[in-house]
Amino acid sequence: AIEAKNCLQARPFPGIKDFSGYLASQGCQQFLLTHRNQSA
């Protein structure tokens, strides 16, 4: 209950957007696999 509110402040790790964007530009598929709910 507490974490559901606090996690809204979380941010991606540095470099994630560049690397993920690079993979997308190379035609790679990316998938999310998490124990977290739809908030992810």
Full PDB file with SEQRES, HELIX, SHEET, SSBOND, CRYST1, ORIGX, SCALE, CONECT and MASTER records, all heavy atoms in Angstrom:
SEQRES   1 A   40  ALA ILE GLU ALA LYS ASN CYS LEU GLN ALA ARG PRO PHE          
SEQRES   2 A   40  PRO GLY ILE LYS ASP PHE SER GLY TYR LEU ALA SER GLN          
SEQRES   3 A   40  GLY CYS GLN GLN PHE LEU LEU THR HIS ARG ASN GLN SER          
SEQRES   4 A   40  ALA                                                          
HELIX    1 AA1 ILE A    2  ASN A    6  1                                   5    
HELIX    2 AA2 CYS A    7  GLN A    9  5                                   3    
HELIX    3 AA3 ILE A   16  SER A   25  1                                  10    
CRYST1    1.000    1.000    1.000  90.00  90.00  90.00 P 1           1          
ORIGX1      1.000000  0.000000  0.000000        0.00000                         
ORIGX2      0.000000  1.000000  0.000000        0.00000                         
ORIGX3      0.000000  0.000000  1.000000        0.00000                         
SCALE1      1.000000  0.000000  0.000000        0.00000                         
SCALE2      0.000000  1.000000  0.000000        0.00000                         
SCALE3      0.000000  0.000000  1.000000        0.00000                         
ATOM      1  N   ALA A   1       0.830  -1.211   0.000  1.00  0.00           N  
ATOM      2  CA  ALA A   1       0.000   0.000   0.000  1.00  0.00           C  
ATOM      3  C   ALA A   1       0.860   1.256   0.000  1.00  0.00           C  
ATOM      4  O   ALA A   1       0.580   2.223  -0.724  1.00  0.00           O  
ATOM      5  CB  ALA A   1      -0.931  -0.012   1.209  1.00  0.00           C  
ATOM      6  N   ILE A   2       1.913   1.248   0.796  1.00  0.00           N  
ATOM      7  CA  ILE A   2       2.803   2.407   0.876  1.00  0.00           C  
ATOM      8  C   ILE A   2       3.644   2.528  -0.391  1.00  0.00           C  
ATOM      9  O   ILE A   2       3.797   3.617  -0.962  1.00  0.00           O  
ATOM     10  CB  ILE A   2       3.721   2.286   2.114  1.00  0.00           C  
ATOM     11  CG1 ILE A   2       2.891   2.300   3.396  1.00  0.00           C  
ATOM     12  CG2 ILE A   2       4.751   3.415   2.137  1.00  0.00           C  
ATOM     13  CD1 ILE A   2       3.672   1.885   4.634  1.00  0.00           C  
ATOM     14  N   GLU A   3       4.163   1.418  -0.843  1.00  0.00           N  
ATOM     15  CA  GLU A   3       5.069   1.431  -1.998  1.00  0.00           C  
ATOM     16  C   GLU A   3       4.368   1.826  -3.288  1.00  0.00           C  
ATOM     17  O   GLU A   3       4.985   2.426  -4.182  1.00  0.00           O  
ATOM     18  CB  GLU A   3       5.717   0.044  -2.135  1.00  0.00           C  
ATOM     19  CG  GLU A   3       6.946  -0.006  -3.002  1.00  0.00           C  
ATOM     20  CD  GLU A   3       6.625  -0.318  -4.449  1.00  0.00           C  
ATOM     21  OE1 GLU A   3       5.487  -0.755  -4.732  1.00  0.00           O  
ATOM     22  OE2 GLU A   3       7.515  -0.134  -5.305  1.00  0.00           O  
ATOM     23  N   ALA A   4       3.080   1.508  -3.405  1.00  0.00           N  
ATOM     24  CA  ALA A   4       2.326   1.865  -4.608  1.00  0.00           C  
ATOM     25  C   ALA A   4       2.339   3.375  -4.839  1.00  0.00           C  
ATOM     26  O   ALA A   4       2.328   3.841  -5.986  1.00  0.00           O  
ATOM     27  CB  ALA A   4       0.891   1.355  -4.498  1.00  0.00           C  
ATOM     28  N   LYS A   5       2.367   4.133  -3.763  1.00  0.00           N  
ATOM     29  CA  LYS A   5       2.416   5.604  -3.873  1.00  0.00           C  
ATOM     30  C   LYS A   5       3.850   6.088  -4.060  1.00  0.00           C  
ATOM     31  O   LYS A   5       4.129   6.942  -4.895  1.00  0.00           O  
ATOM     32  CB  LYS A   5       1.801   6.242  -2.629  1.00  0.00           C  
ATOM     33  CG  LYS A   5       0.335   5.902  -2.428  1.00  0.00           C  
ATOM     34  CD  LYS A   5      -0.200   6.494  -1.139  1.00  0.00           C  
ATOM     35  CE  LYS A   5      -1.657   6.112  -0.911  1.00  0.00           C  
ATOM     36  NZ  LYS A   5      -2.171   6.633   0.393  1.00  0.00           N  
ATOM     37  N   ASN A   6       4.753   5.519  -3.277  1.00  0.00           N  
ATOM     38  CA  ASN A   6       6.144   5.975  -3.342  1.00  0.00           C  
ATOM     39  C   ASN A   6       6.812   5.680  -4.678  1.00  0.00           C  
ATOM     40  O   ASN A   6       7.661   6.446  -5.144  1.00  0.00           O  
ATOM     41  CB  ASN A   6       6.961   5.333  -2.221  1.00  0.00           C  
ATOM     42  CG  ASN A   6       6.632   5.905  -0.860  1.00  0.00           C  
ATOM     43  OD1 ASN A   6       6.054   6.987  -0.752  1.00  0.00           O  
ATOM     44  ND2 ASN A   6       6.990   5.186   0.200  1.00  0.00           N  
ATOM     45  N   CYS A   7       6.438   4.568  -5.323  1.00  0.00           N  
ATOM     46  CA  CYS A   7       7.116   4.166  -6.559  1.00  0.00           C  
ATOM     47  C   CYS A   7       6.853   5.137  -7.706  1.00  0.00           C  
ATOM     48  O   CYS A   7       7.570   5.113  -8.717  1.00  0.00           O  
ATOM     49  CB  CYS A   7       6.723   2.751  -6.969  1.00  0.00           C  
ATOM     50  SG  CYS A   7       5.092   2.601  -7.727  1.00  0.00           S  
ATOM     51  N   LEU A   8       5.854   6.001  -7.565  1.00  0.00           N  
ATOM     52  CA  LEU A   8       5.570   6.976  -8.613  1.00  0.00           C  
ATOM     53  C   LEU A   8       6.721   7.957  -8.791  1.00  0.00           C  
ATOM     54  O   LEU A   8       6.805   8.647  -9.812  1.00  0.00           O  
ATOM     55  CB  LEU A   8       4.282   7.731  -8.285  1.00  0.00           C  
ATOM     56  CG  LEU A   8       3.009   6.879  -8.197  1.00  0.00           C  
ATOM     57  CD1 LEU A   8       1.831   7.745  -7.764  1.00  0.00           C  
ATOM     58  CD2 LEU A   8       2.714   6.203  -9.531  1.00  0.00           C  
ATOM     59  N   GLN A   9       7.627   8.012  -7.798  1.00  0.00           N  
ATOM     60  CA  GLN A   9       8.777   8.899  -7.876  1.00  0.00           C  
ATOM     61  C   GLN A   9       9.971   8.255  -8.570  1.00  0.00           C  
ATOM     62  O   GLN A   9      10.969   8.927  -8.839  1.00  0.00           O  
ATOM     63  CB  GLN A   9       9.200   9.327  -6.461  1.00  0.00           C  
ATOM     64  CG  GLN A   9       8.079   9.905  -5.619  1.00  0.00           C  
ATOM     65  CD  GLN A   9       7.419  11.105  -6.269  1.00  0.00           C  
ATOM     66  OE1 GLN A   9       8.109  11.984  -6.800  1.00  0.00           O  
ATOM     67  NE2 GLN A   9       6.091  11.141  -6.249  1.00  0.00           N  
ATOM     68  N   ALA A  10       9.891   6.970  -8.851  1.00  0.00           N  
ATOM     69  CA  ALA A  10      11.034   6.240  -9.413  1.00  0.00           C  
ATOM     70  C   ALA A  10      11.349   6.687 -10.834  1.00  0.00           C  
ATOM     71  O   ALA A  10      10.465   7.122 -11.578  1.00  0.00           O  
ATOM     72  CB  ALA A  10      10.756   4.739  -9.378  1.00  0.00           C  
ATOM     73  N   ARG A  11      12.607   6.533 -11.203  1.00  0.00           N  
ATOM     74  CA  ARG A  11      13.078   6.925 -12.524  1.00  0.00           C  
ATOM     75  C   ARG A  11      13.897   5.793 -13.152  1.00  0.00           C  
ATOM     76  O   ARG A  11      14.433   4.947 -12.441  1.00  0.00           O  
ATOM     77  CB  ARG A  11      13.950   8.183 -12.425  1.00  0.00           C  
ATOM     78  CG  ARG A  11      13.198   9.423 -11.946  1.00  0.00           C  
ATOM     79  CD  ARG A  11      12.196   9.894 -13.003  1.00  0.00           C  
ATOM     80  NE  ARG A  11      11.493  11.104 -12.588  1.00  0.00           N  
ATOM     81  CZ  ARG A  11      10.343  11.135 -11.936  1.00  0.00           C  
ATOM     82  NH1 ARG A  11       9.766   9.989 -11.573  1.00  0.00           N  
ATOM     83  NH2 ARG A  11       9.771  12.271 -11.618  1.00  0.00           N  
ATOM     84  N   PRO A  12      14.021   5.788 -14.480  1.00  0.00           N  
ATOM     85  CA  PRO A  12      14.852   4.769 -15.129  1.00  0.00           C  
ATOM     86  C   PRO A  12      16.320   4.942 -14.754  1.00  0.00           C  
ATOM     87  O   PRO A  12      16.769   6.051 -14.426  1.00  0.00           O  
ATOM     88  CB  PRO A  12      14.651   5.044 -16.625  1.00  0.00           C  
ATOM     89  CG  PRO A  12      13.456   5.922 -16.718  1.00  0.00           C  
ATOM     90  CD  PRO A  12      13.383   6.693 -15.452  1.00  0.00           C  
ATOM     91  N   PHE A  13      17.066   3.863 -14.835  1.00  0.00           N  
ATOM     92  CA  PHE A  13      18.506   3.948 -14.633  1.00  0.00           C  
ATOM     93  C   PHE A  13      19.143   4.768 -15.759  1.00  0.00           C  
ATOM     94  O   PHE A  13      18.658   4.754 -16.896  1.00  0.00           O  
ATOM     95  CB  PHE A  13      19.132   2.553 -14.622  1.00  0.00           C  
ATOM     96  CG  PHE A  13      19.014   1.851 -13.303  1.00  0.00           C  
ATOM     97  CD1 PHE A  13      18.019   0.910 -13.098  1.00  0.00           C  
ATOM     98  CD2 PHE A  13      19.904   2.119 -12.269  1.00  0.00           C  
ATOM     99  CE1 PHE A  13      17.908   0.249 -11.880  1.00  0.00           C  
ATOM    100  CE2 PHE A  13      19.804   1.470 -11.048  1.00  0.00           C  
ATOM    101  CZ  PHE A  13      18.802   0.539 -10.856  1.00  0.00           C  
ATOM    102  N   PRO A  14      20.222   5.469 -15.464  1.00  0.00           N  
ATOM    103  CA  PRO A  14      20.938   6.204 -16.520  1.00  0.00           C  
ATOM    104  C   PRO A  14      21.342   5.269 -17.663  1.00  0.00           C  
ATOM    105  O   PRO A  14      21.809   4.155 -17.425  1.00  0.00           O  
ATOM    106  CB  PRO A  14      22.178   6.730 -15.785  1.00  0.00           C  
ATOM    107  CG  PRO A  14      21.777   6.812 -14.353  1.00  0.00           C  
ATOM    108  CD  PRO A  14      20.842   5.653 -14.134  1.00  0.00           C  
ATOM    109  N   GLY A  15      21.146   5.740 -18.872  1.00  0.00           N  
ATOM    110  CA  GLY A  15      21.550   4.969 -20.042  1.00  0.00           C  
ATOM    111  C   GLY A  15      20.504   4.025 -20.593  1.00  0.00           C  
ATOM    112  O   GLY A  15      20.656   3.507 -21.706  1.00  0.00           O  
ATOM    113  N   ILE A  16      19.424   3.782 -19.823  1.00  0.00           N  
ATOM    114  CA  ILE A  16      18.392   2.837 -20.273  1.00  0.00           C  
ATOM    115  C   ILE A  16      17.741   3.312 -21.572  1.00  0.00           C  
ATOM    116  O   ILE A  16      17.566   2.535 -22.521  1.00  0.00           O  
ATOM    117  CB  ILE A  16      17.317   2.638 -19.181  1.00  0.00           C  
ATOM    118  CG1 ILE A  16      17.756   1.583 -18.180  1.00  0.00           C  
ATOM    119  CG2 ILE A  16      15.987   2.217 -19.778  1.00  0.00           C  
ATOM    120  CD1 ILE A  16      17.729   0.163 -18.709  1.00  0.00           C  
ATOM    121  N   LYS A  17      17.363   4.569 -21.622  1.00  0.00           N  
ATOM    122  CA  LYS A  17      16.646   5.045 -22.803  1.00  0.00           C  
ATOM    123  C   LYS A  17      17.513   4.959 -24.047  1.00  0.00           C  
ATOM    124  O   LYS A  17      17.036   4.578 -25.129  1.00  0.00           O  
ATOM    125  CB  LYS A  17      16.150   6.471 -22.595  1.00  0.00           C  
ATOM    126  CG  LYS A  17      15.156   6.910 -23.671  1.00  0.00           C  
ATOM    127  CD  LYS A  17      14.374   8.136 -23.269  1.00  0.00           C  
ATOM    128  CE  LYS A  17      13.270   8.415 -24.291  1.00  0.00           C  
ATOM    129  NZ  LYS A  17      12.425   9.564 -23.890  1.00  0.00           N  
ATOM    130  N   ASP A  18      18.785   5.272 -23.926  1.00  0.00           N  
ATOM    131  CA  ASP A  18      19.686   5.192 -25.073  1.00  0.00           C  
ATOM    132  C   ASP A  18      19.847   3.750 -25.545  1.00  0.00           C  
ATOM    133  O   ASP A  18      19.792   3.476 -26.747  1.00  0.00           O  
ATOM    134  CB  ASP A  18      21.061   5.773 -24.719  1.00  0.00           C  
ATOM    135  CG  ASP A  18      21.039   7.283 -24.574  1.00  0.00           C  
ATOM    136  OD1 ASP A  18      20.099   7.920 -25.092  1.00  0.00           O  
ATOM    137  OD2 ASP A  18      21.960   7.823 -23.931  1.00  0.00           O  
ATOM    138  N   PHE A  19      20.044   2.832 -24.592  1.00  0.00           N  
ATOM    139  CA  PHE A  19      20.261   1.439 -24.980  1.00  0.00           C  
ATOM    140  C   PHE A  19      18.985   0.813 -25.532  1.00  0.00           C  
ATOM    141  O   PHE A  19      19.003   0.127 -26.562  1.00  0.00           O  
ATOM    142  CB  PHE A  19      20.780   0.630 -23.794  1.00  0.00           C  
ATOM    143  CG  PHE A  19      21.030  -0.818 -24.121  1.00  0.00           C  
ATOM    144  CD1 PHE A  19      21.802  -1.175 -25.221  1.00  0.00           C  
ATOM    145  CD2 PHE A  19      20.492  -1.826 -23.342  1.00  0.00           C  
ATOM    146  CE1 PHE A  19      22.035  -2.521 -25.528  1.00  0.00           C  
ATOM    147  CE2 PHE A  19      20.714  -3.161 -23.648  1.00  0.00           C  
ATOM    148  CZ  PHE A  19      21.495  -3.512 -24.736  1.00  0.00           C  
ATOM    149  N   SER A  20      17.856   1.051 -24.866  1.00  0.00           N  
ATOM    150  CA  SER A  20      16.588   0.505 -25.339  1.00  0.00           C  
ATOM    151  C   SER A  20      16.228   1.079 -26.704  1.00  0.00           C  
ATOM    152  O   SER A  20      15.748   0.360 -27.590  1.00  0.00           O  
ATOM    153  CB  SER A  20      15.479   0.803 -24.328  1.00  0.00           C  
ATOM    154  OG  SER A  20      14.260   0.214 -24.713  1.00  0.00           O  
ATOM    155  N   GLY A  21      16.477   2.370 -26.886  1.00  0.00           N  
ATOM    156  CA  GLY A  21      16.221   2.995 -28.180  1.00  0.00           C  
ATOM    157  C   GLY A  21      17.112   2.433 -29.269  1.00  0.00           C  
ATOM    158  O   GLY A  21      16.680   2.241 -30.410  1.00  0.00           O  
ATOM    159  N   TYR A  22      18.355   2.157 -28.901  1.00  0.00           N  
ATOM    160  CA  TYR A  22      19.275   1.548 -29.870  1.00  0.00           C  
ATOM    161  C   TYR A  22      18.775   0.167 -30.303  1.00  0.00           C  
ATOM    162  O   TYR A  22      18.762  -0.153 -31.505  1.00  0.00           O  
ATOM    163  CB  TYR A  22      20.672   1.420 -29.270  1.00  0.00           C  
ATOM    164  CG  TYR A  22      21.597   0.576 -30.101  1.00  0.00           C  
ATOM    165  CD1 TYR A  22      22.203   1.081 -31.258  1.00  0.00           C  
ATOM    166  CD2 TYR A  22      21.840  -0.753 -29.761  1.00  0.00           C  
ATOM    167  CE1 TYR A  22      23.037   0.290 -32.030  1.00  0.00           C  
ATOM    168  CE2 TYR A  22      22.677  -1.557 -30.531  1.00  0.00           C  
ATOM    169  CZ  TYR A  22      23.272  -1.032 -31.665  1.00  0.00           C  
ATOM    170  OH  TYR A  22      24.083  -1.821 -32.444  1.00  0.00           O  
ATOM    171  N   LEU A  23      18.354  -0.646 -29.342  1.00  0.00           N  
ATOM    172  CA  LEU A  23      17.834  -1.970 -29.681  1.00  0.00           C  
ATOM    173  C   LEU A  23      16.639  -1.862 -30.621  1.00  0.00           C  
ATOM    174  O   LEU A  23      16.530  -2.611 -31.601  1.00  0.00           O  
ATOM    175  CB  LEU A  23      17.443  -2.725 -28.413  1.00  0.00           C  
ATOM    176  CG  LEU A  23      18.571  -3.128 -27.461  1.00  0.00           C  
ATOM    177  CD1 LEU A  23      17.996  -3.799 -26.215  1.00  0.00           C  
ATOM    178  CD2 LEU A  23      19.567  -4.054 -28.161  1.00  0.00           C  
ATOM    179  N   ALA A  24      15.742  -0.928 -30.327  1.00  0.00           N  
ATOM    180  CA  ALA A  24      14.570  -0.735 -31.181  1.00  0.00           C  
ATOM    181  C   ALA A  24      14.989  -0.327 -32.590  1.00  0.00           C  
ATOM    182  O   ALA A  24      14.414  -0.797 -33.581  1.00  0.00           O  
ATOM    183  CB  ALA A  24      13.645   0.314 -30.573  1.00  0.00           C  
ATOM    184  N   SER A  25      16.000   0.519 -32.688  1.00  0.00           N  
ATOM    185  CA  SER A  25      16.462   0.980 -34.004  1.00  0.00           C  
ATOM    186  C   SER A  25      17.092  -0.150 -34.817  1.00  0.00           C  
ATOM    187  O   SER A  25      17.157  -0.063 -36.053  1.00  0.00           O  
ATOM    188  CB  SER A  25      17.477   2.116 -33.837  1.00  0.00           C  
ATOM    189  OG  SER A  25      18.732   1.630 -33.381  1.00  0.00           O  
ATOM    190  N   GLN A  26      17.539  -1.196 -34.127  1.00  0.00           N  
ATOM    191  CA  GLN A  26      18.146  -2.345 -34.796  1.00  0.00           C  
ATOM    192  C   GLN A  26      17.126  -3.447 -35.099  1.00  0.00           C  
ATOM    193  O   GLN A  26      17.492  -4.529 -35.560  1.00  0.00           O  
ATOM    194  CB  GLN A  26      19.278  -2.914 -33.930  1.00  0.00           C  
ATOM    195  CG  GLN A  26      20.405  -1.940 -33.654  1.00  0.00           C  
ATOM    196  CD  GLN A  26      21.051  -1.425 -34.922  1.00  0.00           C  
ATOM    197  OE1 GLN A  26      21.560  -2.189 -35.739  1.00  0.00           O  
ATOM    198  NE2 GLN A  26      21.017  -0.108 -35.115  1.00  0.00           N  
ATOM    199  N   GLY A  27      15.852  -3.161 -34.830  1.00  0.00           N  
ATOM    200  CA  GLY A  27      14.797  -4.130 -35.124  1.00  0.00           C  
ATOM    201  C   GLY A  27      14.628  -5.217 -34.084  1.00  0.00           C  
ATOM    202  O   GLY A  27      13.945  -6.216 -34.332  1.00  0.00           O  
ATOM    203  N   CYS A  28      15.219  -5.035 -32.905  1.00  0.00           N  
ATOM    204  CA  CYS A  28      15.071  -6.028 -31.837  1.00  0.00           C  
ATOM    205  C   CYS A  28      13.723  -5.852 -31.136  1.00  0.00           C  
ATOM    206  O   CYS A  28      13.195  -4.745 -31.049  1.00  0.00           O  
ATOM    207  CB  CYS A  28      16.191  -5.872 -30.812  1.00  0.00           C  
ATOM    208  SG  CYS A  28      17.850  -6.154 -31.468  1.00  0.00           S  
ATOM    209  N   GLN A  29      13.199  -6.954 -30.655  1.00  0.00           N  
ATOM    210  CA  GLN A  29      11.973  -6.910 -29.867  1.00  0.00           C  
ATOM    211  C   GLN A  29      12.333  -6.854 -28.384  1.00  0.00           C  
ATOM    212  O   GLN A  29      13.269  -7.529 -27.943  1.00  0.00           O  
ATOM    213  CB  GLN A  29      11.112  -8.148 -30.120  1.00  0.00           C  
ATOM    214  CG  GLN A  29      10.558  -8.251 -31.520  1.00  0.00           C  
ATOM    215  CD  GLN A  29       9.528  -9.364 -31.617  1.00  0.00           C  
ATOM    216  OE1 GLN A  29       8.322  -9.136 -31.593  1.00  0.00           O  
ATOM    217  NE2 GLN A  29      10.002 -10.587 -31.734  1.00  0.00           N  
ATOM    218  N   GLN A  30      11.555  -6.071 -27.631  1.00  0.00           N  
ATOM    219  CA  GLN A  30      11.779  -5.962 -26.195  1.00  0.00           C  
ATOM    220  C   GLN A  30      10.479  -6.265 -25.455  1.00  0.00           C  
ATOM    221  O   GLN A  30       9.394  -5.867 -25.891  1.00  0.00           O  
ATOM    222  CB  GLN A  30      12.286  -4.560 -25.854  1.00  0.00           C  
ATOM    223  CG  GLN A  30      13.631  -4.254 -26.507  1.00  0.00           C  
ATOM    224  CD  GLN A  30      14.087  -2.847 -26.226  1.00  0.00           C  
ATOM    225  OE1 GLN A  30      14.513  -2.520 -25.110  1.00  0.00           O  
ATOM    226  NE2 GLN A  30      14.022  -1.988 -27.237  1.00  0.00           N  
ATOM    227  N   PHE A  31      10.634  -6.954 -24.323  1.00  0.00           N  
ATOM    228  CA  PHE A  31       9.481  -7.406 -23.562  1.00  0.00           C  
ATOM    229  C   PHE A  31       9.685  -7.098 -22.076  1.00  0.00           C  
ATOM    230  O   PHE A  31      10.805  -7.163 -21.561  1.00  0.00           O  
ATOM    231  CB  PHE A  31       9.276  -8.910 -23.738  1.00  0.00           C  
ATOM    232  CG  PHE A  31       9.055  -9.320 -25.166  1.00  0.00           C  
ATOM    233  CD1 PHE A  31      10.139  -9.667 -25.974  1.00  0.00           C  
ATOM    234  CD2 PHE A  31       7.784  -9.338 -25.716  1.00  0.00           C  
ATOM    235  CE1 PHE A  31       9.944 -10.033 -27.305  1.00  0.00           C  
ATOM    236  CE2 PHE A  31       7.582  -9.705 -27.040  1.00  0.00           C  
ATOM    237  CZ  PHE A  31       8.669 -10.051 -27.835  1.00  0.00           C  
ATOM    238  N   LEU A  32       8.587  -6.774 -21.416  1.00  0.00           N  
ATOM    239  CA  LEU A  32       8.598  -6.536 -19.984  1.00  0.00           C  
ATOM    240  C   LEU A  32       8.225  -7.823 -19.264  1.00  0.00           C  
ATOM    241  O   LEU A  32       7.263  -8.490 -19.638  1.00  0.00           O  
ATOM    242  CB  LEU A  32       7.590  -5.436 -19.635  1.00  0.00           C  
ATOM    243  CG  LEU A  32       7.414  -5.098 -18.149  1.00  0.00           C  
ATOM    244  CD1 LEU A  32       8.696  -4.520 -17.568  1.00  0.00           C  
ATOM    245  CD2 LEU A  32       6.250  -4.132 -17.964  1.00  0.00           C  
ATOM    246  N   LEU A  33       8.983  -8.160 -18.223  1.00  0.00           N  
ATOM    247  CA  LEU A  33       8.687  -9.367 -17.467  1.00  0.00           C  
ATOM    248  C   LEU A  33       8.878  -9.044 -15.982  1.00  0.00           C  
ATOM    249  O   LEU A  33       9.997  -9.044 -15.488  1.00  0.00           O  
ATOM    250  CB  LEU A  33       9.618 -10.507 -17.900  1.00  0.00           C  
ATOM    251  CG  LEU A  33       9.090 -11.923 -17.717  1.00  0.00           C  
ATOM    252  CD1 LEU A  33       9.867 -12.906 -18.576  1.00  0.00           C  
ATOM    253  CD2 LEU A  33       9.137 -12.346 -16.265  1.00  0.00           C  
ATOM    254  N   THR A  34       7.777  -8.736 -15.312  1.00  0.00           N  
ATOM    255  CA  THR A  34       7.884  -8.202 -13.955  1.00  0.00           C  
ATOM    256  C   THR A  34       6.848  -8.790 -13.006  1.00  0.00           C  
ATOM    257  O   THR A  34       5.768  -9.208 -13.429  1.00  0.00           O  
ATOM    258  CB  THR A  34       7.722  -6.661 -13.993  1.00  0.00           C  
ATOM    259  OG1 THR A  34       7.822  -6.141 -12.656  1.00  0.00           O  
ATOM    260  CG2 THR A  34       6.381  -6.247 -14.581  1.00  0.00           C  
ATOM    261  N   HIS A  35       7.207  -8.802 -11.722  1.00  0.00           N  
ATOM    262  CA  HIS A  35       6.254  -9.165 -10.670  1.00  0.00           C  
ATOM    263  C   HIS A  35       5.379  -7.983 -10.281  1.00  0.00           C  
ATOM    264  O   HIS A  35       4.427  -8.131  -9.521  1.00  0.00           O  
ATOM    265  CB  HIS A  35       7.003  -9.657  -9.421  1.00  0.00           C  
ATOM    266  CG  HIS A  35       7.754 -10.934  -9.638  1.00  0.00           C  
ATOM    267  ND1 HIS A  35       8.818 -11.311  -8.848  1.00  0.00           N  
ATOM    268  CD2 HIS A  35       7.591 -11.931 -10.547  1.00  0.00           C  
ATOM    269  CE1 HIS A  35       9.268 -12.481  -9.258  1.00  0.00           C  
ATOM    270  NE2 HIS A  35       8.548 -12.876 -10.291  1.00  0.00           N  
ATOM    271  N   ARG A  36       5.730  -6.805 -10.775  1.00  0.00           N  
ATOM    272  CA  ARG A  36       4.950  -5.604 -10.490  1.00  0.00           C  
ATOM    273  C   ARG A  36       3.662  -5.615 -11.313  1.00  0.00           C  
ATOM    274  O   ARG A  36       3.580  -6.269 -12.355  1.00  0.00           O  
ATOM    275  CB  ARG A  36       5.778  -4.349 -10.796  1.00  0.00           C  
ATOM    276  CG  ARG A  36       5.097  -3.044 -10.393  1.00  0.00           C  
ATOM    277  CD  ARG A  36       6.031  -1.866 -10.616  1.00  0.00           C  
ATOM    278  NE  ARG A  36       7.097  -1.817  -9.616  1.00  0.00           N  
ATOM    279  CZ  ARG A  36       6.976  -1.314  -8.408  1.00  0.00           C  
ATOM    280  NH1 ARG A  36       5.808  -0.796  -8.017  1.00  0.00           N  
ATOM    281  NH2 ARG A  36       7.988  -1.311  -7.559  1.00  0.00           N  
ATOM    282  N   ASN A  37       2.671  -4.848 -10.892  1.00  0.00           N  
ATOM    283  CA  ASN A  37       1.406  -4.805 -11.609  1.00  0.00           C  
ATOM    284  C   ASN A  37       1.466  -3.821 -12.789  1.00  0.00           C  
ATOM    285  O   ASN A  37       2.538  -3.387 -13.203  1.00  0.00           O  
ATOM    286  CB  ASN A  37       0.253  -4.468 -10.652  1.00  0.00           C  
ATOM    287  CG  ASN A  37       0.454  -3.118  -9.967  1.00  0.00           C  
ATOM    288  OD1 ASN A  37       1.169  -2.241 -10.455  1.00  0.00           O  
ATOM    289  ND2 ASN A  37      -0.197  -2.949  -8.835  1.00  0.00           N  
ATOM    290  N   GLN A  38       0.287  -3.454 -13.271  1.00  0.00           N  
ATOM    291  CA  GLN A  38       0.177  -2.592 -14.453  1.00  0.00           C  
ATOM    292  C   GLN A  38       0.885  -1.251 -14.286  1.00  0.00           C  
ATOM    293  O   GLN A  38       1.182  -0.570 -15.276  1.00  0.00           O  
ATOM    294  CB  GLN A  38      -1.309  -2.352 -14.754  1.00  0.00           C  
ATOM    295  CG  GLN A  38      -1.609  -1.706 -16.092  1.00  0.00           C  
ATOM    296  CD  GLN A  38      -1.351  -2.641 -17.263  1.00  0.00           C  
ATOM    297  OE1 GLN A  38      -1.304  -3.863 -17.079  1.00  0.00           O  
ATOM    298  NE2 GLN A  38      -1.185  -2.089 -18.451  1.00  0.00           N  
ATOM    299  N   SER A  39       1.197  -0.877 -13.068  1.00  0.00           N  
ATOM    300  CA  SER A  39       1.892   0.391 -12.835  1.00  0.00           C  
ATOM    301  C   SER A  39       3.238   0.438 -13.544  1.00  0.00           C  
ATOM    302  O   SER A  39       3.738   1.528 -13.861  1.00  0.00           O  
ATOM    303  CB  SER A  39       2.090   0.627 -11.328  1.00  0.00           C  
ATOM    304  OG  SER A  39       2.948  -0.359 -10.758  1.00  0.00           O  
ATOM    305  N   ALA A  40       3.818  -0.718 -13.798  1.00  0.00           N  
ATOM    306  CA  ALA A  40       5.103  -0.747 -14.516  1.00  0.00           C  
ATOM    307  C   ALA A  40       4.946  -0.151 -15.914  1.00  0.00           C  
ATOM    308  O   ALA A  40       5.801   0.619 -16.378  1.00  0.00           O  
ATOM    309  CB  ALA A  40       5.626  -2.171 -14.598  1.00  0.00           C  
TER     310      ALA A  40                                                      
MASTER        0    0    0    3    0    0    0    6  309    1    0    4          
END                                                                             
